[in-house]
Amino acid sequence: MLTALSIRDVVLIEALDLEFGTGLGVLTGETGAGKSILLDALGLALGARGESGLVRQGAAQAVVTASFETPAQDGAIANLMAQNGLELEPGEPLLVRRIVKSDGGSRAFVNDQPASAGLLRELAPHLVEIHGQHDDRGLLNPRGHRTLLDTFGRLDAGPIAVAHRTWREAEDALAVARAEQDVAERDREWLAHAVTELRALAPEAGEEALLAGRRATMQRGEKVAGELQSVAQLLEGSEGGLSQLRQAARILERIADSHEALAEALAAIDRAITDGADAQDRIDAAAGALAFDPAALEADETRLFELRALARKHRVQPDELPALLDALSARLDRVESGGAGIARLELAVEEAHRVYRDAARALSEARAQAATRLDVAVEAELKPLKLDAARFRTVVEPLEESAWSPAGMDRVEFAVSTNPGAPFAPLIKIASGGELSRFILALKVALAEEGGAGTLIFDEIDRGVGGAVASAIGDRLARLASTAQVLVVTHSPQVAARGAQHLLIAKSHDGLVTRTGVTPLDSGQRREEIARMLSGAEITPEARAQAERLLAA
């Protein structure tokens, strides 16, 4: 429900703050007073296109803020807010604000949080429905007729949506499997060869690093082995250093007692022999550690080169070869058993199609029954609205299978015949302006108990009618207002008299600037305004008396 509307610098409105209550609110005023500006301003807050022409001359920007009281059970609004990263606390009013700058730029806010104009447009249908003689949205848009019929009939299309998604997902899975099978069949020979080659090599994760490390170690050993052999020959050969030292020691042993210095020399040579022998032992140990098998080196190099060559062939890293083998083996298995898998998927598609078709047919039958009830309900409202000869029909037609959707297999459209014997045609194409507004009203009355937006706005739907028809329109608007907030822009005193709240829209001019203002009317002011609507510029006693009677009624 719309609770408040604040307007700043929109066309002729300089500053305006309005509060709205429940029930039927009427907006009246002379032609040209600016009633359309008020609706344009509200439309701006609901995401309508922002144009610089809406900004009051001389102002930097126009600002419109609308406050709504949202029903606690309305999950659609909360879902939209959540999807856009916004929060709405239970019981908290919903504030939508739109700012349009004089250069044409605009900004939007929801509960003072930046939002897009697109989000305002998504929220709008859950907040306000605006209907007028030239309205091509809402009830006149065939795209919404199926939803309206389902709402009237209390029909749940949710299971149909689930069945449709299951069916389409099964079809997608089958299409993917068939495409993979076609590609795999073309690659069968290559796959078989690649898998055989990989299995023969049997690569292991981490194997390349292990082989490369061992190869490097053996290559180092090969280089050092020759040097160690040279050192060993220098130390132990027949002409080696240790052999020469031992010979010298034997000679000195025979003559060491001849002189004290010779004994010391012998001791030094003995130490040299001991150190040389120790060095030889260490060299032997190192040689043993660095010993390698040339055959093992060749085998490791061959294995390493094969791994790297196969990795280059498949454009992967050597460590990725085991995973590649698994993947190619799986593809080959699917090729070899693909027929059975596709057959299972085909059965799944067939079953999902059957489930959807059966559920959609049941929904179609329920829609046909609801359509009959809706036709009766709408036609019951036509006679009091002086549409005695008119007929209303809810057309439910099957769609081609290619057009089946999560909403079912039906096309739904409201059609009318305004004269006896005239064929039925879409509502928007047949009815004249006055008839169209009354058809809309009849439909809204028939659909009222099934809910909709919290606020309904009718823009001059009583234009061109009067007397009993205007009275009937007022009666039905008042009935609608018992279940929803209804605001009506009207020129009919019969309609204005039924309002629980009466707002007068008027222009004023101070010699320099023309402004549009809105004044809530008390009971006395209401009588004067309805009298003016009855008699024109000069209000007569008779007009006042008639206004009293309308208000009393």
Protein backbone atom coordinates (compact mmCIF):
# COMPACT_ATOMS: atom_id res chain seq x y z
CA MET A 1 0.00 0.00 0.00
CA LEU A 2 1.24 3.48 -0.91
CA THR A 3 1.50 5.42 2.34
CA ALA A 4 3.34 8.59 1.33
CA LEU A 5 4.57 10.43 -1.73
CA SER A 6 7.12 13.22 -1.63
CA ILE A 7 7.76 15.27 -4.79
CA ARG A 8 10.37 17.96 -5.30
CA ASP A 9 10.80 20.06 -8.46
CA VAL A 10 8.86 17.90 -10.92
CA VAL A 11 7.49 20.05 -13.80
CA LEU A 12 5.04 22.45 -12.09
CA ILE A 13 5.31 20.84 -8.63
CA GLU A 14 7.80 22.68 -6.46
CA ALA A 15 7.33 20.78 -3.20
CA LEU A 16 4.59 18.36 -2.29
CA ASP A 17 4.21 15.83 0.53
CA LEU A 18 1.15 13.58 0.50
CA GLU A 19 -0.04 10.85 2.81
CA PHE A 20 -2.46 8.14 1.72
CA GLY A 21 -4.74 5.90 3.69
CA THR A 22 -6.57 2.68 3.05
CA GLY A 23 -9.74 2.41 1.01
CA LEU A 24 -10.72 4.54 -1.97
CA GLY A 25 -8.84 7.77 -2.57
CA VAL A 26 -10.08 10.16 -5.25
CA LEU A 27 -8.11 12.87 -7.03
CA THR A 28 -10.08 15.60 -8.75
CA GLY A 29 -9.39 18.94 -10.35
CA GLU A 30 -10.07 20.96 -13.43
CA THR A 31 -8.69 19.83 -16.77
CA GLY A 32 -5.05 20.86 -17.03
CA ALA A 33 -4.58 21.20 -13.29
CA GLY A 34 -1.72 18.70 -13.34
CA LYS A 35 -3.22 15.35 -12.38
CA SER A 36 -1.02 13.65 -14.99
CA ILE A 37 2.06 15.24 -13.40
CA LEU A 38 1.25 13.47 -10.14
CA LEU A 39 1.05 10.10 -11.89
CA ASP A 40 4.21 10.84 -13.89
CA ALA A 41 6.03 11.57 -10.65
CA LEU A 42 4.88 8.28 -9.12
CA GLY A 43 5.85 6.49 -12.32
CA LEU A 44 9.31 8.00 -12.03
CA ALA A 45 9.71 6.51 -8.54
CA LEU A 46 8.63 3.16 -9.98
CA GLY A 47 11.36 3.09 -12.62
CA ALA A 48 9.80 4.95 -15.55
CA ARG A 49 12.20 6.61 -17.94
CA GLY A 50 13.78 9.69 -16.39
CA GLU A 51 13.92 12.69 -18.70
CA SER A 52 15.35 16.14 -18.10
CA GLY A 53 12.00 17.62 -19.17
CA LEU A 54 10.52 16.42 -15.86
CA VAL A 55 12.82 18.72 -13.88
CA ARG A 56 11.13 22.00 -12.90
CA GLN A 57 12.54 24.96 -14.80
CA GLY A 58 15.44 26.50 -12.87
CA ALA A 59 15.93 23.49 -10.57
CA ALA A 60 19.07 21.33 -10.56
CA GLN A 61 17.22 18.07 -10.08
CA ALA A 62 13.84 16.46 -9.48
CA VAL A 63 13.35 14.04 -6.57
CA VAL A 64 10.43 11.68 -5.96
CA THR A 65 10.17 9.41 -2.92
CA ALA A 66 7.38 6.88 -2.42
CA SER A 67 6.81 4.90 0.76
CA PHE A 68 5.01 1.57 0.69
CA GLU A 69 3.71 -0.71 3.39
CA THR A 70 4.36 -4.22 2.08
CA PRO A 71 2.38 -7.25 3.22
CA ALA A 72 4.37 -9.64 5.39
CA GLN A 73 3.49 -12.60 3.19
CA ASP A 74 4.78 -10.98 -0.01
CA GLY A 75 7.93 -12.99 -0.58
CA ALA A 76 8.40 -11.69 -4.14
CA ILE A 77 9.53 -8.26 -2.94
CA ALA A 78 11.90 -9.75 -0.36
CA ASN A 79 13.32 -12.11 -2.99
CA LEU A 80 13.94 -9.26 -5.43
CA MET A 81 15.66 -7.29 -2.70
CA ALA A 82 17.85 -10.25 -1.71
CA GLN A 83 18.80 -10.99 -5.33
CA ASN A 84 20.07 -7.43 -5.63
CA GLY A 85 22.00 -7.47 -2.35
CA LEU A 86 19.48 -5.31 -0.47
CA GLU A 87 17.74 -5.97 2.83
CA LEU A 88 14.12 -5.52 3.87
CA GLU A 89 13.38 -6.08 7.54
CA PRO A 90 9.94 -7.55 8.37
CA GLY A 91 7.48 -4.74 9.03
CA GLU A 92 9.85 -2.12 7.65
CA PRO A 93 8.36 0.29 5.05
CA LEU A 94 9.75 0.10 1.54
CA LEU A 95 11.13 3.44 0.34
CA VAL A 96 11.85 3.97 -3.34
CA ARG A 97 13.51 7.18 -4.45
CA ARG A 98 14.40 8.50 -7.88
CA ILE A 99 16.53 11.53 -8.65
CA VAL A 100 16.64 13.02 -12.16
CA LYS A 101 19.15 15.75 -12.89
CA SER A 102 18.58 18.63 -15.29
CA ASP A 103 21.20 17.15 -17.62
CA GLY A 104 19.18 13.91 -17.89
CA GLY A 105 21.23 11.74 -15.54
CA SER A 106 19.35 9.78 -12.89
CA ARG A 107 19.91 7.75 -9.73
CA ALA A 108 17.70 5.29 -7.87
CA PHE A 109 17.56 4.19 -4.24
CA VAL A 110 15.68 1.48 -2.37
CA ASN A 111 15.54 2.00 1.40
CA ASP A 112 18.30 4.59 0.95
CA GLN A 113 20.56 1.98 -0.66
CA PRO A 114 21.76 2.64 -4.24
CA ALA A 115 19.84 0.56 -6.76
CA SER A 116 19.11 0.50 -10.47
CA ALA A 117 16.06 1.84 -12.26
CA GLY A 118 15.64 -1.73 -13.53
CA LEU A 119 15.10 -2.95 -9.97
CA LEU A 120 12.43 -0.27 -9.46
CA ARG A 121 10.68 -1.54 -12.58
CA GLU A 122 10.85 -5.11 -11.25
CA LEU A 123 9.38 -4.02 -7.90
CA ALA A 124 6.67 -1.87 -9.48
CA PRO A 125 4.19 -4.65 -10.44
CA HIS A 126 4.23 -5.90 -6.83
CA LEU A 127 3.51 -2.40 -5.51
CA VAL A 128 1.22 -0.54 -7.90
CA GLU A 129 -1.02 -1.28 -10.87
CA ILE A 130 -1.92 1.71 -13.01
CA HIS A 131 -4.86 1.42 -15.40
CA GLY A 132 -6.16 3.99 -17.80
CA GLN A 133 -7.94 4.38 -21.12
CA HIS A 134 -4.71 4.08 -23.08
CA ASP A 135 -2.85 1.71 -20.80
CA ASP A 136 -1.12 -1.07 -22.75
CA ARG A 137 0.25 -2.82 -19.66
CA GLY A 138 -1.26 -4.81 -16.82
CA LEU A 139 -4.55 -6.42 -17.73
CA LEU A 140 -4.19 -5.51 -21.41
CA ASN A 141 -0.87 -7.28 -21.88
CA PRO A 142 -1.55 -10.85 -23.10
CA ARG A 143 1.75 -11.99 -21.61
CA GLY A 144 0.24 -11.59 -18.15
CA HIS A 145 -3.15 -13.17 -18.84
CA ARG A 146 -2.01 -16.72 -18.10
CA THR A 147 -0.69 -15.66 -14.71
CA LEU A 148 -3.90 -13.78 -13.94
CA LEU A 149 -5.99 -16.82 -14.84
CA ASP A 150 -3.82 -19.08 -12.66
CA THR A 151 -4.15 -16.62 -9.78
CA PHE A 152 -7.93 -16.48 -10.18
CA GLY A 153 -8.20 -20.27 -10.32
CA ARG A 154 -5.69 -20.73 -7.47
CA LEU A 155 -3.63 -22.90 -9.81
CA ASP A 156 -0.02 -23.75 -8.97
CA ALA A 157 2.27 -23.94 -11.99
CA GLY A 158 5.30 -24.66 -9.77
CA PRO A 159 5.33 -28.45 -10.37
CA ILE A 160 5.08 -27.77 -14.11
CA ALA A 161 8.17 -25.59 -13.92
CA VAL A 162 10.06 -28.33 -12.08
CA ALA A 163 8.95 -30.97 -14.61
CA HIS A 164 9.90 -28.68 -17.49
CA ARG A 165 13.37 -28.07 -16.04
CA THR A 166 13.88 -31.83 -15.53
CA TRP A 167 12.80 -32.51 -19.10
CA ARG A 168 15.08 -29.83 -20.58
CA GLU A 169 18.03 -30.92 -18.45
CA ALA A 170 17.53 -34.51 -19.64
CA GLU A 171 17.43 -33.29 -23.25
CA ASP A 172 20.59 -31.25 -22.71
CA ALA A 173 22.39 -34.24 -21.18
CA LEU A 174 21.35 -36.39 -24.14
CA ALA A 175 22.53 -33.76 -26.63
CA VAL A 176 25.91 -33.49 -24.89
CA ALA A 177 26.29 -37.28 -24.80
CA ARG A 178 25.42 -37.59 -28.49
CA ALA A 179 27.86 -34.83 -29.42
CA GLU A 180 30.59 -36.47 -27.35
CA GLN A 181 29.79 -39.82 -28.91
CA ASP A 182 30.02 -38.38 -32.42
CA VAL A 183 33.39 -36.81 -31.66
CA ALA A 184 34.58 -39.94 -29.87
CA GLU A 185 33.55 -42.19 -32.73
CA ARG A 186 35.62 -40.08 -35.08
CA ASP A 187 38.55 -40.36 -32.67
CA ARG A 188 38.15 -44.05 -31.82
CA GLU A 189 41.27 -45.23 -33.71
CA TRP A 190 43.39 -42.42 -32.33
CA LEU A 191 42.08 -43.03 -28.81
CA ALA A 192 42.86 -46.75 -28.98
CA HIS A 193 46.42 -46.06 -30.21
CA ALA A 194 47.02 -43.34 -27.59
CA VAL A 195 45.74 -45.50 -24.73
CA THR A 196 47.83 -48.48 -25.89
CA GLU A 197 50.94 -46.31 -26.16
CA LEU A 198 50.40 -44.75 -22.72
CA ARG A 199 49.63 -48.07 -21.07
CA ALA A 200 52.79 -49.59 -22.60
CA LEU A 201 54.86 -46.77 -21.13
CA ALA A 202 52.92 -46.88 -17.81
CA PRO A 203 53.97 -43.40 -16.64
CA GLU A 204 53.91 -42.61 -12.94
CA ALA A 205 53.46 -39.28 -11.18
CA GLY A 206 56.80 -37.75 -10.16
CA GLU A 207 58.72 -40.21 -12.30
CA GLU A 208 60.40 -37.57 -14.49
CA ALA A 209 61.98 -35.79 -11.51
CA LEU A 210 63.21 -39.09 -10.07
CA LEU A 211 64.79 -40.20 -13.37
CA ALA A 212 66.34 -36.80 -14.00
CA GLY A 213 67.89 -36.80 -10.52
CA ARG A 214 69.35 -40.30 -10.88
CA ARG A 215 70.69 -39.46 -14.36
CA ALA A 216 72.42 -36.33 -13.08
CA THR A 217 74.01 -38.30 -10.20
CA MET A 218 75.28 -41.04 -12.51
CA GLN A 219 76.62 -38.51 -14.99
CA ARG A 220 78.60 -36.84 -12.22
CA GLY A 221 79.93 -40.25 -11.12
CA GLU A 222 81.04 -41.06 -14.66
CA LYS A 223 83.11 -37.87 -14.83
CA VAL A 224 84.70 -38.31 -11.36
CA ALA A 225 85.57 -42.01 -11.84
CA GLY A 226 88.36 -41.26 -14.33
CA GLU A 227 89.96 -38.70 -12.04
CA LEU A 228 89.84 -41.08 -9.09
CA GLN A 229 91.51 -43.77 -11.14
CA SER A 230 94.36 -41.38 -11.94
CA VAL A 231 94.74 -40.52 -8.25
CA ALA A 232 94.78 -44.22 -7.32
CA GLN A 233 97.57 -44.88 -9.85
CA LEU A 234 99.63 -42.01 -8.39
CA LEU A 235 99.20 -43.38 -4.90
CA GLU A 236 99.41 -47.19 -5.32
CA GLY A 237 100.94 -47.94 -8.65
CA SER A 238 104.36 -49.59 -8.91
CA GLU A 239 105.78 -46.14 -9.33
CA GLY A 240 103.19 -44.53 -7.04
CA GLY A 241 103.89 -42.28 -4.11
CA LEU A 242 103.02 -44.78 -1.36
CA SER A 243 105.18 -47.44 -2.99
CA GLN A 244 108.14 -45.02 -3.18
CA LEU A 245 107.61 -44.01 0.48
CA ARG A 246 107.57 -47.64 1.62
CA GLN A 247 110.80 -48.36 -0.27
CA ALA A 248 112.43 -45.32 1.32
CA ALA A 249 111.26 -46.47 4.79
CA ARG A 250 112.81 -49.92 4.30
CA ILE A 251 116.16 -48.41 3.40
CA LEU A 252 116.07 -45.99 6.36
CA GLU A 253 115.18 -48.80 8.76
CA ARG A 254 118.55 -50.39 7.95
CA ILE A 255 120.57 -47.29 8.63
CA ALA A 256 118.40 -45.30 11.10
CA ASP A 257 120.67 -46.15 14.06
CA SER A 258 123.64 -44.55 12.31
CA HIS A 259 122.46 -41.07 13.13
CA GLU A 260 119.69 -39.51 15.23
CA ALA A 261 118.39 -37.42 12.27
CA LEU A 262 117.83 -40.55 10.22
CA ALA A 263 115.54 -41.96 12.92
CA GLU A 264 113.51 -38.77 12.85
CA ALA A 265 113.31 -38.93 9.07
CA LEU A 266 112.05 -42.51 9.27
CA ALA A 267 109.34 -41.48 11.70
CA ALA A 268 108.21 -38.69 9.37
CA ILE A 269 108.05 -41.08 6.42
CA ASP A 270 106.02 -43.55 8.50
CA ARG A 271 103.52 -40.79 9.28
CA ALA A 272 103.32 -39.91 5.61
CA ILE A 273 102.63 -43.55 4.73
CA THR A 274 99.85 -43.69 7.36
CA ASP A 275 98.24 -40.48 6.07
CA GLY A 276 98.57 -41.64 2.48
CA ALA A 277 96.90 -44.94 3.31
CA ASP A 278 94.06 -43.06 5.04
CA ALA A 279 93.64 -40.86 1.96
CA GLN A 280 93.55 -43.96 -0.20
CA ASP A 281 90.79 -45.46 1.97
CA ARG A 282 88.75 -42.28 1.65
CA ILE A 283 89.24 -42.18 -2.10
CA ASP A 284 88.11 -45.81 -2.34
CA ALA A 285 85.00 -45.01 -0.31
CA ALA A 286 84.15 -42.06 -2.54
CA ALA A 287 84.68 -44.16 -5.62
CA GLY A 288 82.33 -46.77 -4.24
CA ALA A 289 79.65 -44.16 -3.56
CA LEU A 290 79.98 -42.66 -7.04
CA ALA A 291 80.13 -45.97 -8.79
CA PHE A 292 77.51 -46.34 -11.54
CA ASP A 293 76.27 -48.90 -13.95
CA PRO A 294 76.52 -47.62 -17.54
CA ALA A 295 73.62 -49.90 -18.47
CA ALA A 296 71.47 -48.37 -15.71
CA LEU A 297 72.36 -44.87 -16.91
CA GLU A 298 71.37 -45.77 -20.45
CA ALA A 299 68.10 -47.31 -19.27
CA ASP A 300 67.19 -44.25 -17.18
CA GLU A 301 68.03 -41.89 -20.03
CA THR A 302 65.96 -43.92 -22.48
CA ARG A 303 62.98 -43.94 -20.07
CA LEU A 304 63.31 -40.19 -19.42
CA PHE A 305 63.46 -39.33 -23.12
CA GLU A 306 60.41 -41.52 -23.84
CA LEU A 307 58.37 -39.80 -21.11
CA ARG A 308 59.30 -36.34 -22.37
CA ALA A 309 58.65 -37.24 -26.01
CA LEU A 310 55.19 -38.62 -25.23
CA ALA A 311 54.38 -35.56 -23.10
CA ARG A 312 55.35 -33.27 -26.00
CA LYS A 313 53.23 -35.35 -28.34
CA HIS A 314 50.14 -34.83 -26.17
CA ARG A 315 51.10 -31.26 -25.21
CA VAL A 316 51.13 -31.93 -21.48
CA GLN A 317 53.75 -32.06 -18.75
CA PRO A 318 55.34 -35.50 -18.10
CA ASP A 319 53.73 -35.63 -14.64
CA GLU A 320 50.31 -35.18 -16.31
CA LEU A 321 50.64 -38.34 -18.38
CA PRO A 322 49.00 -40.67 -15.77
CA ALA A 323 45.94 -38.39 -15.57
CA LEU A 324 45.86 -38.20 -19.37
CA LEU A 325 45.87 -41.98 -19.55
CA ASP A 326 42.90 -42.12 -17.17
CA ALA A 327 41.00 -39.49 -19.17
CA LEU A 328 41.65 -41.10 -22.55
CA SER A 329 40.79 -44.53 -21.15
CA ALA A 330 37.48 -43.15 -19.88
CA ARG A 331 36.74 -41.60 -23.28
CA LEU A 332 37.54 -44.88 -24.99
CA ASP A 333 35.28 -46.71 -22.54
CA ARG A 334 32.46 -44.26 -23.32
CA VAL A 335 32.95 -44.84 -27.02
CA GLU A 336 32.84 -48.57 -26.56
CA SER A 337 29.83 -48.42 -24.23
CA GLY A 338 28.33 -45.18 -25.54
CA GLY A 339 25.36 -46.77 -27.16
CA ALA A 340 24.09 -48.12 -23.86
CA GLY A 341 24.58 -44.74 -22.13
CA ILE A 342 22.74 -42.88 -24.85
CA ALA A 343 19.92 -45.40 -24.71
CA ARG A 344 19.55 -44.75 -20.95
CA LEU A 345 19.50 -40.99 -21.55
CA GLU A 346 16.89 -41.38 -24.27
CA LEU A 347 14.69 -43.28 -21.84
CA ALA A 348 15.21 -40.51 -19.25
CA VAL A 349 14.15 -37.86 -21.80
CA GLU A 350 11.10 -39.86 -22.76
CA GLU A 351 10.05 -40.28 -19.13
CA ALA A 352 10.67 -36.60 -18.27
CA HIS A 353 8.68 -35.56 -21.34
CA ARG A 354 5.79 -37.79 -20.28
CA VAL A 355 5.78 -36.41 -16.73
CA TYR A 356 5.76 -32.83 -18.00
CA ARG A 357 3.10 -33.53 -20.64
CA ASP A 358 0.75 -35.23 -18.17
CA ALA A 359 1.14 -32.49 -15.57
CA ALA A 360 0.73 -29.74 -18.18
CA ARG A 361 -2.42 -31.38 -19.58
CA ALA A 362 -3.91 -31.54 -16.11
CA LEU A 363 -3.10 -27.85 -15.66
CA SER A 364 -4.67 -27.09 -19.05
CA GLU A 365 -7.89 -28.76 -17.96
CA ALA A 366 -7.88 -26.80 -14.70
CA ARG A 367 -7.27 -23.60 -16.64
CA ALA A 368 -10.21 -24.31 -18.91
CA GLN A 369 -12.46 -24.73 -15.86
CA ALA A 370 -11.08 -21.57 -14.22
CA ALA A 371 -11.58 -19.68 -17.50
CA THR A 372 -15.25 -20.59 -17.49
CA ARG A 373 -15.64 -19.31 -13.93
CA LEU A 374 -13.74 -16.11 -14.74
CA ASP A 375 -15.94 -15.48 -17.81
CA VAL A 376 -19.05 -15.78 -15.65
CA ALA A 377 -17.60 -13.49 -12.98
CA VAL A 378 -16.59 -10.79 -15.47
CA GLU A 379 -19.85 -10.90 -17.41
CA ALA A 380 -21.75 -10.47 -14.15
CA GLU A 381 -20.03 -7.10 -13.81
CA LEU A 382 -20.68 -5.93 -17.39
CA LYS A 383 -24.42 -5.28 -17.25
CA PRO A 384 -24.28 -2.77 -14.34
CA LEU A 385 -21.52 -1.00 -16.27
CA LYS A 386 -23.87 -0.63 -19.25
CA LEU A 387 -22.06 -3.19 -21.34
CA ASP A 388 -25.20 -5.33 -21.69
CA ALA A 389 -24.43 -6.54 -25.20
CA ALA A 390 -20.79 -7.27 -24.54
CA ARG A 391 -19.40 -10.71 -23.93
CA PHE A 392 -16.11 -11.72 -22.37
CA ARG A 393 -14.14 -14.87 -23.03
CA THR A 394 -10.89 -16.24 -21.67
CA VAL A 395 -9.25 -18.01 -24.59
CA VAL A 396 -7.12 -21.00 -23.61
CA GLU A 397 -5.38 -22.50 -26.63
CA PRO A 398 -2.69 -25.21 -26.89
CA LEU A 399 0.78 -24.18 -28.00
CA GLU A 400 3.08 -25.99 -30.37
CA GLU A 401 5.44 -28.28 -28.49
CA SER A 402 8.36 -26.02 -29.41
CA ALA A 403 6.66 -23.25 -27.38
CA TRP A 404 5.97 -25.32 -24.25
CA SER A 405 7.42 -23.55 -21.24
CA PRO A 406 7.75 -23.75 -17.44
CA ALA A 407 4.25 -22.22 -17.34
CA GLY A 408 2.69 -25.05 -19.35
CA MET A 409 1.49 -25.72 -22.86
CA ASP A 410 -1.25 -23.06 -23.11
CA ARG A 411 -1.64 -19.60 -24.54
CA VAL A 412 -4.13 -17.52 -22.57
CA GLU A 413 -5.69 -14.28 -23.77
CA PHE A 414 -8.69 -12.21 -22.76
CA ALA A 415 -11.05 -11.51 -25.66
CA VAL A 416 -14.30 -9.55 -25.96
CA SER A 417 -17.22 -9.07 -28.29
CA THR A 418 -18.88 -5.69 -27.81
CA ASN A 419 -21.92 -6.22 -30.08
CA PRO A 420 -24.29 -9.14 -30.69
CA GLY A 421 -22.94 -11.36 -33.45
CA ALA A 422 -19.56 -9.65 -33.50
CA PRO A 423 -16.56 -11.99 -33.37
CA PHE A 424 -14.35 -12.14 -30.31
CA ALA A 425 -11.07 -10.26 -30.57
CA PRO A 426 -8.29 -9.29 -28.13
CA LEU A 427 -9.46 -6.86 -25.47
CA ILE A 428 -7.04 -4.10 -26.44
CA LYS A 429 -8.11 -4.15 -30.12
CA ILE A 430 -11.87 -4.15 -29.73
CA ALA A 431 -12.98 -1.90 -26.92
CA SER A 432 -13.32 1.86 -27.28
CA GLY A 433 -11.76 4.11 -24.66
CA GLY A 434 -14.78 4.16 -22.37
CA GLU A 435 -15.56 0.49 -22.89
CA LEU A 436 -11.95 -0.45 -22.32
CA SER A 437 -11.84 1.23 -18.93
CA ARG A 438 -15.03 -0.52 -17.86
CA PHE A 439 -13.77 -3.90 -19.01
CA ILE A 440 -10.62 -3.32 -16.97
CA LEU A 441 -12.72 -2.45 -13.95
CA ALA A 442 -14.91 -5.53 -14.40
CA LEU A 443 -11.82 -7.71 -14.64
CA LYS A 444 -10.25 -6.17 -11.56
CA VAL A 445 -13.43 -6.69 -9.57
CA ALA A 446 -13.56 -10.35 -10.66
CA LEU A 447 -9.87 -10.82 -9.79
CA ALA A 448 -9.87 -8.68 -6.64
CA GLU A 449 -10.24 -11.50 -4.13
CA GLU A 450 -7.20 -13.26 -5.55
CA GLY A 451 -4.84 -10.41 -4.74
CA GLY A 452 -2.36 -8.47 -6.84
CA ALA A 453 -0.52 -5.23 -6.24
CA GLY A 454 -1.30 -3.51 -2.96
CA THR A 455 -2.27 -0.28 -4.72
CA LEU A 456 -4.53 0.10 -7.77
CA ILE A 457 -4.61 3.40 -9.64
CA PHE A 458 -7.30 4.15 -12.23
CA ASP A 459 -6.65 7.17 -14.41
CA GLU A 460 -9.91 8.72 -15.67
CA ILE A 461 -11.54 5.37 -16.43
CA ASP A 462 -14.92 7.10 -16.10
CA ARG A 463 -14.25 9.55 -18.94
CA GLY A 464 -17.20 9.75 -21.30
CA VAL A 465 -19.72 8.11 -18.97
CA GLY A 466 -22.12 9.50 -16.43
CA GLY A 467 -25.31 8.86 -14.53
CA ALA A 468 -25.96 5.24 -13.65
CA VAL A 469 -22.75 4.03 -15.34
CA ALA A 470 -20.61 6.44 -13.33
CA SER A 471 -22.46 5.38 -10.19
CA ALA A 472 -21.81 1.72 -11.01
CA ILE A 473 -18.13 2.48 -11.56
CA GLY A 474 -17.98 4.23 -8.18
CA ASP A 475 -19.69 1.27 -6.52
CA ARG A 476 -17.17 -1.19 -7.98
CA LEU A 477 -14.21 0.97 -7.12
CA ALA A 478 -15.46 1.10 -3.54
CA ARG A 479 -15.80 -2.70 -3.55
CA LEU A 480 -12.23 -3.03 -4.82
CA ALA A 481 -11.10 -0.66 -2.09
CA SER A 482 -12.33 -3.10 0.55
CA THR A 483 -9.50 -5.51 -0.39
CA ALA A 484 -6.84 -3.14 -1.75
CA GLN A 485 -5.90 0.50 -1.72
CA VAL A 486 -7.51 2.20 -4.73
CA LEU A 487 -6.65 5.64 -6.07
CA VAL A 488 -8.70 7.08 -8.91
CA VAL A 489 -8.23 10.23 -10.98
CA THR A 490 -11.79 11.16 -11.86
CA HIS A 491 -14.04 13.80 -13.42
CA SER A 492 -17.17 12.02 -12.19
CA PRO A 493 -18.94 13.41 -9.11
CA GLN A 494 -20.59 10.02 -8.57
CA VAL A 495 -17.14 8.42 -8.26
CA ALA A 496 -15.65 11.27 -6.23
CA ALA A 497 -18.46 11.00 -3.68
CA ARG A 498 -17.48 7.40 -2.89
CA GLY A 499 -13.94 8.29 -1.79
CA ALA A 500 -12.69 7.81 1.75
CA GLN A 501 -9.98 10.37 0.98
CA HIS A 502 -10.38 13.29 -1.43
CA LEU A 503 -7.42 15.21 -2.87
CA LEU A 504 -7.89 18.36 -4.97
CA ILE A 505 -5.27 19.10 -7.60
CA ALA A 506 -5.10 22.74 -8.68
CA LYS A 507 -2.77 25.26 -10.29
CA SER A 508 -1.78 28.57 -8.76
CA HIS A 509 0.05 31.55 -10.25
CA ASP A 510 1.79 34.32 -8.33
CA GLY A 511 2.47 36.47 -11.37
CA LEU A 512 5.84 34.89 -12.01
CA VAL A 513 5.61 31.15 -11.50
CA THR A 514 2.85 28.61 -12.10
CA ARG A 515 2.69 25.81 -9.57
CA THR A 516 0.62 22.66 -9.14
CA GLY A 517 -0.53 21.82 -5.63
CA VAL A 518 -2.60 19.13 -3.95
CA THR A 519 -4.95 19.81 -1.04
CA PRO A 520 -6.65 17.16 1.13
CA LEU A 521 -10.33 18.16 1.44
CA ASP A 522 -12.48 18.05 4.55
CA SER A 523 -16.21 17.28 4.36
CA GLY A 524 -17.25 20.85 3.58
CA GLN A 525 -14.59 21.29 0.93
CA ARG A 526 -15.57 17.97 -0.60
CA ARG A 527 -19.14 19.17 -0.97
CA GLU A 528 -17.97 22.29 -2.78
CA GLU A 529 -15.66 20.35 -5.09
CA ILE A 530 -18.34 17.78 -6.00
CA ALA A 531 -20.80 20.64 -6.57
CA ARG A 532 -18.28 22.25 -8.93
CA MET A 533 -17.95 18.95 -10.78
CA LEU A 534 -21.74 18.86 -11.12
CA SER A 535 -22.40 22.46 -12.20
CA GLY A 536 -19.17 23.86 -13.62
CA ALA A 537 -17.59 27.23 -12.84
CA GLU A 538 -20.69 28.67 -11.05
CA ILE A 539 -21.74 26.52 -8.14
CA THR A 540 -25.51 26.61 -7.68
CA PRO A 541 -27.57 25.74 -4.61
CA GLU A 542 -29.01 22.85 -6.59
CA ALA A 543 -25.49 21.53 -7.25
CA ARG A 544 -24.64 21.76 -3.56
CA ALA A 545 -27.84 19.90 -2.67
CA GLN A 546 -27.05 17.20 -5.18
CA ALA A 547 -23.50 16.95 -3.83
CA GLU A 548 -24.94 16.47 -0.33
CA ARG A 549 -27.16 13.67 -1.60
CA LEU A 550 -24.23 11.94 -3.34
CA LEU A 551 -22.09 12.17 -0.23
CA ALA A 552 -24.91 10.95 1.97
CA ALA A 553 -25.54 8.01 -0.33
